[in-house]
Amino acid sequence: MFGLAAVTTRIKLLASIAVLAMPPPIAARTAVTIDFIASGRFGVNIVSGSQQAKYSQMGIWPGPVHFANRYVYCAEYVKIMRELWETVESDFKGQFFRMKKCQLLPQPSARIPIICAAQSDACTQFAAEYGGYNFCVGFGVNQPMRVAPSIPRLVEARKKTGRDVGAVVMQMTIADETDAAAESKWQHYCDGYDHEAFAWRSAQAGADKTTGPYATASRQKMQGDNYPTNQGVFVGSYAKVAALHDEMAGIPGLAGFMLTFDDFIIGMEQRVAIALAGQRPLGVADG
């Protein structure tokens, strides 16, 4: 991230922070350093931590209680970072953190936005209270409207907080010159993906027994194990994918897309082709 900040001038940089792995003052200080290099183009994506094995190997897993408490933990984490960014000092006292005249200088050059990835009701409320943007995840193949339930829930939650939190849909894109070429690539991925790895991922997600119908574990069950991604997928020609994005763009409350591609470099070129096929400008929330 430091390297990208140094060699770019326009793109927004978002770094994911696993809150269990880094104390909030250290995260806040690191963010300020990147912000300084990026001249205000930096944001922080909060990762609450739901895969026990990932943290147990380092001896930092709090136990099953974390499933129920993780957004209280995240709220305290964000409060501390914001106090340090905005007032230089934090004396925060909470359930999980206790600061004692903790100080941070210099302050960031611009307000550092908090990015969330809310799917569950608890995380949606957290996003409405603390987030600047919230990543929502689509479902299925070429089914743009299946993401619709997640966005109105965010819209309702932000009405209660009075904050403007934009919904950004994460969407896998498999595009090519023709539908047949794109579908051939997609079938190749479906035929060759690692079923054992995906089964492990699903088992990890299933350890959280506090989940509702939109939480990660439940969402993965809804997606099923029939294809190699946990996001919605658009497959087709550039024109077809552009039309699918246009259809999804009609959902009230949608602020933009975060496109993921099967090949990053080729995908960036395809992003331009999709935009041209849809005769629309490239939005800052795209890709």
Protein backbone atom coordinates (compact mmCIF):
# COMPACT_ATOMS: atom_id res chain seq x y z
CA MET A 1 0.00 0.00 0.00
CA PHE A 2 2.88 2.37 0.76
CA GLY A 3 4.32 1.60 -2.68
CA LEU A 4 1.01 2.27 -4.44
CA ALA A 5 0.62 5.53 -2.55
CA ALA A 6 4.03 6.66 -3.76
CA VAL A 7 3.57 5.92 -7.46
CA THR A 8 -0.07 6.97 -7.99
CA THR A 9 -1.73 10.36 -7.96
CA ARG A 10 -5.48 9.86 -8.56
CA ILE A 11 -6.80 6.50 -7.36
CA LYS A 12 -8.31 6.07 -3.91
CA LEU A 13 -6.43 3.51 -1.80
CA LEU A 14 -8.32 1.33 0.69
CA ALA A 15 -6.42 -0.91 3.11
CA SER A 16 -8.13 -3.72 5.01
CA ILE A 17 -7.31 -3.83 8.73
CA ALA A 18 -7.91 -7.02 10.69
CA VAL A 19 -8.86 -5.47 14.03
CA LEU A 20 -7.80 -8.51 16.08
CA ALA A 21 -4.28 -8.38 14.66
CA MET A 22 -3.38 -4.71 15.18
CA PRO A 23 -4.06 -2.35 18.11
CA PRO A 24 -6.09 0.71 17.07
CA PRO A 25 -3.36 3.30 17.82
CA ILE A 26 -0.89 1.40 15.62
CA ALA A 27 -3.50 1.14 12.86
CA ALA A 28 -4.26 4.85 13.19
CA ARG A 29 -0.56 5.77 12.99
CA THR A 30 0.04 3.55 9.95
CA ALA A 31 -3.00 5.06 8.23
CA VAL A 32 -1.66 8.58 8.77
CA THR A 33 1.68 7.63 7.21
CA ILE A 34 -0.02 6.25 4.09
CA ASP A 35 -2.37 9.25 4.00
CA PHE A 36 0.66 11.57 4.03
CA ILE A 37 2.24 9.77 1.07
CA ALA A 38 -1.10 9.53 -0.79
CA SER A 39 -2.09 13.16 -0.13
CA GLY A 40 -5.52 12.38 1.28
CA ARG A 41 -6.42 9.46 -0.98
CA PHE A 42 -6.51 6.80 1.73
CA GLY A 43 -9.30 4.94 3.52
CA VAL A 44 -9.55 2.04 5.98
CA ASN A 45 -11.65 -1.08 5.50
CA ILE A 46 -12.58 -2.61 8.87
CA VAL A 47 -12.37 -6.44 9.04
CA SER A 48 -14.10 -7.70 12.16
CA GLY A 49 -12.60 -11.21 12.10
CA SER A 50 -14.80 -14.28 11.81
CA GLN A 51 -12.40 -17.10 10.82
CA GLN A 52 -11.16 -18.75 13.96
CA ALA A 53 -8.31 -20.69 12.36
CA LYS A 54 -6.76 -17.54 10.89
CA TYR A 55 -6.30 -15.99 14.35
CA SER A 56 -5.80 -19.14 16.44
CA GLN A 57 -2.57 -19.90 14.58
CA MET A 58 -1.20 -16.64 16.00
CA GLY A 59 -2.68 -17.14 19.46
CA ILE A 60 -4.95 -14.08 19.24
CA TRP A 61 -8.40 -15.62 18.82
CA PRO A 62 -10.62 -14.30 21.70
CA GLY A 63 -12.89 -17.34 21.61
CA PRO A 64 -16.48 -17.89 20.43
CA VAL A 65 -17.64 -14.82 22.38
CA HIS A 66 -16.07 -12.70 19.64
CA PHE A 67 -18.82 -13.71 17.23
CA ALA A 68 -21.40 -11.95 19.37
CA ASN A 69 -19.21 -9.00 20.40
CA ARG A 70 -17.20 -8.21 17.30
CA TYR A 71 -19.11 -5.09 16.25
CA VAL A 72 -18.91 -3.64 19.76
CA TYR A 73 -15.18 -4.33 19.48
CA CYS A 74 -15.05 -2.66 16.06
CA ALA A 75 -17.02 0.37 17.29
CA GLU A 76 -14.52 0.96 20.11
CA TYR A 77 -11.66 0.44 17.65
CA VAL A 78 -12.99 3.09 15.25
CA LYS A 79 -13.76 5.55 18.07
CA ILE A 80 -10.14 5.39 19.23
CA MET A 81 -8.76 5.89 15.74
CA ARG A 82 -11.03 8.87 15.13
CA GLU A 83 -10.15 10.46 18.47
CA LEU A 84 -6.46 10.19 17.59
CA TRP A 85 -6.96 11.49 14.07
CA GLU A 86 -9.18 14.39 15.10
CA THR A 87 -7.98 15.45 18.55
CA VAL A 88 -4.42 14.04 18.79
CA GLU A 89 -5.16 12.28 22.09
CA SER A 90 -7.40 9.47 23.33
CA ASP A 91 -8.40 8.57 26.88
CA PHE A 92 -11.06 6.16 25.68
CA LYS A 93 -12.31 3.60 28.22
CA GLY A 94 -14.48 0.79 26.94
CA GLN A 95 -15.23 -2.89 27.22
CA PHE A 96 -12.22 -3.95 25.14
CA PHE A 97 -9.81 -1.00 25.07
CA ARG A 98 -8.47 1.43 27.67
CA MET A 99 -6.34 4.33 26.49
CA LYS A 100 -4.25 6.53 28.82
CA LYS A 101 -3.34 9.83 27.19
CA CYS A 102 -2.55 7.95 23.99
CA GLN A 103 -1.27 10.51 21.48
CA LEU A 104 -0.77 10.62 17.73
CA LEU A 105 1.01 13.23 15.64
CA PRO A 106 0.97 14.38 12.92
CA GLN A 107 -2.73 14.37 12.15
CA PRO A 108 -3.98 13.15 8.74
CA SER A 109 -4.11 15.58 5.84
CA ALA A 110 -7.80 14.78 5.22
CA ARG A 111 -10.60 12.87 6.92
CA ILE A 112 -9.83 9.16 6.57
CA PRO A 113 -13.04 7.35 5.63
CA ILE A 114 -14.07 4.06 7.23
CA ILE A 115 -15.21 1.35 4.81
CA CYS A 116 -17.40 -1.53 5.98
CA ALA A 117 -18.57 -4.77 4.41
CA ALA A 118 -21.93 -5.19 6.10
CA GLN A 119 -24.12 -8.15 5.24
CA SER A 120 -25.62 -9.01 8.64
CA ASP A 121 -28.05 -6.79 10.53
CA ALA A 122 -25.46 -6.06 13.25
CA CYS A 123 -22.81 -5.08 10.75
CA THR A 124 -25.29 -2.99 8.74
CA GLN A 125 -26.02 -0.98 11.88
CA PHE A 126 -22.27 -0.61 12.48
CA ALA A 127 -21.83 0.64 8.90
CA ALA A 128 -24.66 3.14 9.30
CA GLU A 129 -23.04 4.54 12.45
CA TYR A 130 -19.37 4.58 11.44
CA GLY A 131 -18.94 3.89 7.73
CA GLY A 132 -18.47 6.15 4.75
CA TYR A 133 -19.19 3.36 2.29
CA ASN A 134 -20.45 -0.17 2.72
CA PHE A 135 -19.62 -3.10 0.47
CA CYS A 136 -22.66 -5.22 -0.35
CA VAL A 137 -22.33 -8.54 -2.16
CA GLY A 138 -24.37 -9.78 -5.09
CA PHE A 139 -25.63 -13.30 -5.71
CA GLY A 140 -25.80 -15.74 -8.57
CA VAL A 141 -24.73 -15.48 -12.19
CA ASN A 142 -26.17 -12.59 -14.23
CA GLN A 143 -28.82 -11.87 -11.58
CA PRO A 144 -28.26 -8.17 -10.79
CA MET A 145 -31.39 -7.68 -8.70
CA ARG A 146 -30.57 -10.38 -6.14
CA VAL A 147 -28.43 -7.86 -4.25
CA ALA A 148 -31.49 -5.65 -3.75
CA PRO A 149 -32.39 -6.74 -0.16
CA SER A 150 -29.00 -5.70 1.27
CA ILE A 151 -29.15 -2.12 0.02
CA PRO A 152 -32.59 -1.11 1.43
CA ARG A 153 -31.52 -2.46 4.83
CA LEU A 154 -28.56 -0.06 4.75
CA VAL A 155 -30.81 2.78 3.60
CA GLU A 156 -33.15 2.17 6.56
CA ALA A 157 -30.28 1.88 9.02
CA ARG A 158 -28.72 5.16 7.92
CA LYS A 159 -32.06 6.96 8.32
CA LYS A 160 -31.76 6.27 12.05
CA THR A 161 -28.22 7.63 12.24
CA GLY A 162 -28.73 10.54 9.85
CA ARG A 163 -25.47 9.73 8.08
CA ASP A 164 -24.79 9.40 4.35
CA VAL A 165 -23.39 5.91 3.83
CA GLY A 166 -23.18 4.74 0.23
CA ALA A 167 -23.75 1.12 -0.82
CA VAL A 168 -21.05 -0.24 -3.14
CA VAL A 169 -21.74 -3.66 -4.70
CA MET A 170 -18.85 -6.10 -5.03
CA GLN A 171 -19.29 -7.94 -8.31
CA MET A 172 -17.07 -10.48 -10.09
CA THR A 173 -16.78 -9.77 -13.82
CA ILE A 174 -15.93 -12.34 -16.50
CA ALA A 175 -16.05 -10.41 -19.77
CA ASP A 176 -14.81 -10.84 -23.33
CA GLU A 177 -15.60 -9.79 -26.90
CA THR A 178 -18.49 -12.28 -27.14
CA ASP A 179 -20.83 -14.07 -24.77
CA ALA A 180 -19.44 -17.42 -25.88
CA ALA A 181 -15.83 -16.45 -25.11
CA ALA A 182 -16.74 -15.16 -21.65
CA GLU A 183 -18.88 -18.21 -20.86
CA SER A 184 -16.04 -20.50 -21.92
CA LYS A 185 -13.68 -18.84 -19.44
CA TRP A 186 -16.28 -19.03 -16.69
CA GLN A 187 -16.90 -22.72 -17.32
CA HIS A 188 -13.14 -23.33 -17.18
CA TYR A 189 -13.01 -21.75 -13.70
CA CYS A 190 -16.05 -23.72 -12.54
CA ASP A 191 -14.50 -26.98 -13.74
CA GLY A 192 -11.16 -26.38 -12.06
CA TYR A 193 -11.70 -24.66 -8.74
CA ASP A 194 -10.49 -26.05 -5.42
CA HIS A 195 -13.54 -27.65 -3.78
CA GLU A 196 -11.57 -28.58 -0.66
CA ALA A 197 -10.49 -24.96 -0.07
CA PHE A 198 -14.04 -23.68 -0.49
CA ALA A 199 -15.36 -26.36 1.87
CA TRP A 200 -12.83 -25.20 4.49
CA ARG A 201 -13.93 -21.60 4.02
CA SER A 202 -17.59 -22.55 4.43
CA ALA A 203 -16.82 -24.54 7.58
CA GLN A 204 -15.00 -21.56 9.08
CA ALA A 205 -17.91 -19.27 8.31
CA GLY A 206 -20.34 -21.80 9.75
CA ALA A 207 -18.66 -21.61 13.17
CA ASP A 208 -20.50 -18.36 13.86
CA LYS A 209 -23.84 -19.41 15.38
CA THR A 210 -24.98 -15.82 15.98
CA THR A 211 -25.61 -15.10 12.32
CA GLY A 212 -28.82 -13.92 10.70
CA PRO A 213 -30.01 -14.64 7.16
CA TYR A 214 -27.71 -12.04 5.57
CA ALA A 215 -24.50 -12.76 7.49
CA THR A 216 -21.46 -14.26 5.78
CA ALA A 217 -22.13 -17.88 6.72
CA SER A 218 -25.77 -17.75 5.66
CA ARG A 219 -24.89 -15.91 2.46
CA GLN A 220 -22.38 -18.59 1.50
CA LYS A 221 -25.05 -21.24 1.96
CA MET A 222 -27.35 -19.22 -0.31
CA GLN A 223 -24.60 -18.98 -2.90
CA GLY A 224 -23.94 -22.69 -2.73
CA ASP A 225 -20.74 -24.47 -3.74
CA ASN A 226 -21.49 -24.61 -7.45
CA TYR A 227 -19.07 -21.93 -8.57
CA PRO A 228 -15.68 -20.56 -7.50
CA THR A 229 -16.52 -17.25 -5.82
CA ASN A 230 -18.61 -15.94 -2.95
CA GLN A 231 -19.75 -12.90 -4.95
CA GLY A 232 -22.33 -12.34 -7.62
CA VAL A 233 -20.93 -12.81 -11.12
CA PHE A 234 -21.59 -11.09 -14.44
CA VAL A 235 -20.56 -13.23 -17.41
CA GLY A 236 -20.80 -12.12 -21.02
CA SER A 237 -19.74 -9.70 -23.71
CA TYR A 238 -18.76 -6.17 -22.78
CA ALA A 239 -22.13 -4.92 -23.96
CA LYS A 240 -24.00 -7.57 -21.95
CA VAL A 241 -22.03 -6.86 -18.76
CA ALA A 242 -22.60 -3.11 -19.21
CA ALA A 243 -26.35 -3.73 -19.52
CA LEU A 244 -26.32 -5.84 -16.34
CA HIS A 245 -24.57 -3.03 -14.49
CA ASP A 246 -27.14 -0.55 -15.80
CA GLU A 247 -29.93 -2.78 -14.50
CA MET A 248 -28.31 -3.04 -11.08
CA ALA A 249 -27.69 0.72 -11.00
CA GLY A 250 -31.45 1.26 -10.78
CA ILE A 251 -31.56 -0.05 -7.19
CA PRO A 252 -32.28 2.92 -4.86
CA GLY A 253 -29.37 3.67 -2.55
CA LEU A 254 -26.65 2.19 -4.77
CA ALA A 255 -23.59 4.47 -4.85
CA GLY A 256 -21.31 2.44 -7.13
CA PHE A 257 -19.62 -0.85 -7.97
CA MET A 258 -16.41 -2.53 -6.91
CA LEU A 259 -15.52 -4.79 -9.82
CA THR A 260 -13.24 -7.79 -9.39
CA PHE A 261 -11.75 -9.57 -12.39
CA ASP A 262 -10.30 -12.98 -13.12
CA ASP A 263 -7.07 -11.32 -14.32
CA PHE A 264 -6.20 -7.96 -12.78
CA ILE A 265 -4.25 -6.37 -15.65
CA ILE A 266 -6.58 -7.64 -18.38
CA GLY A 267 -9.52 -6.79 -16.15
CA MET A 268 -8.52 -3.13 -15.97
CA GLU A 269 -8.52 -3.01 -19.76
CA GLN A 270 -11.89 -4.77 -19.84
CA ARG A 271 -13.25 -2.21 -17.38
CA VAL A 272 -12.70 0.46 -20.02
CA ALA A 273 -14.36 -1.72 -22.67
CA ILE A 274 -17.38 -2.28 -20.43
CA ALA A 275 -17.72 1.44 -19.74
CA LEU A 276 -17.51 2.25 -23.44
CA ALA A 277 -20.04 -0.46 -24.29
CA GLY A 278 -22.43 1.08 -21.78
CA GLN A 279 -21.65 4.60 -23.04
CA ARG A 280 -21.13 5.85 -19.52
CA PRO A 281 -18.14 7.41 -17.70
CA LEU A 282 -15.96 5.46 -15.32
CA GLY A 283 -17.20 6.16 -11.81
CA VAL A 284 -14.81 6.64 -8.91
CA ALA A 285 -16.45 3.73 -7.10
CA ASP A 286 -15.83 1.35 -9.99
CA GLY A 287 -13.03 -1.19 -9.66
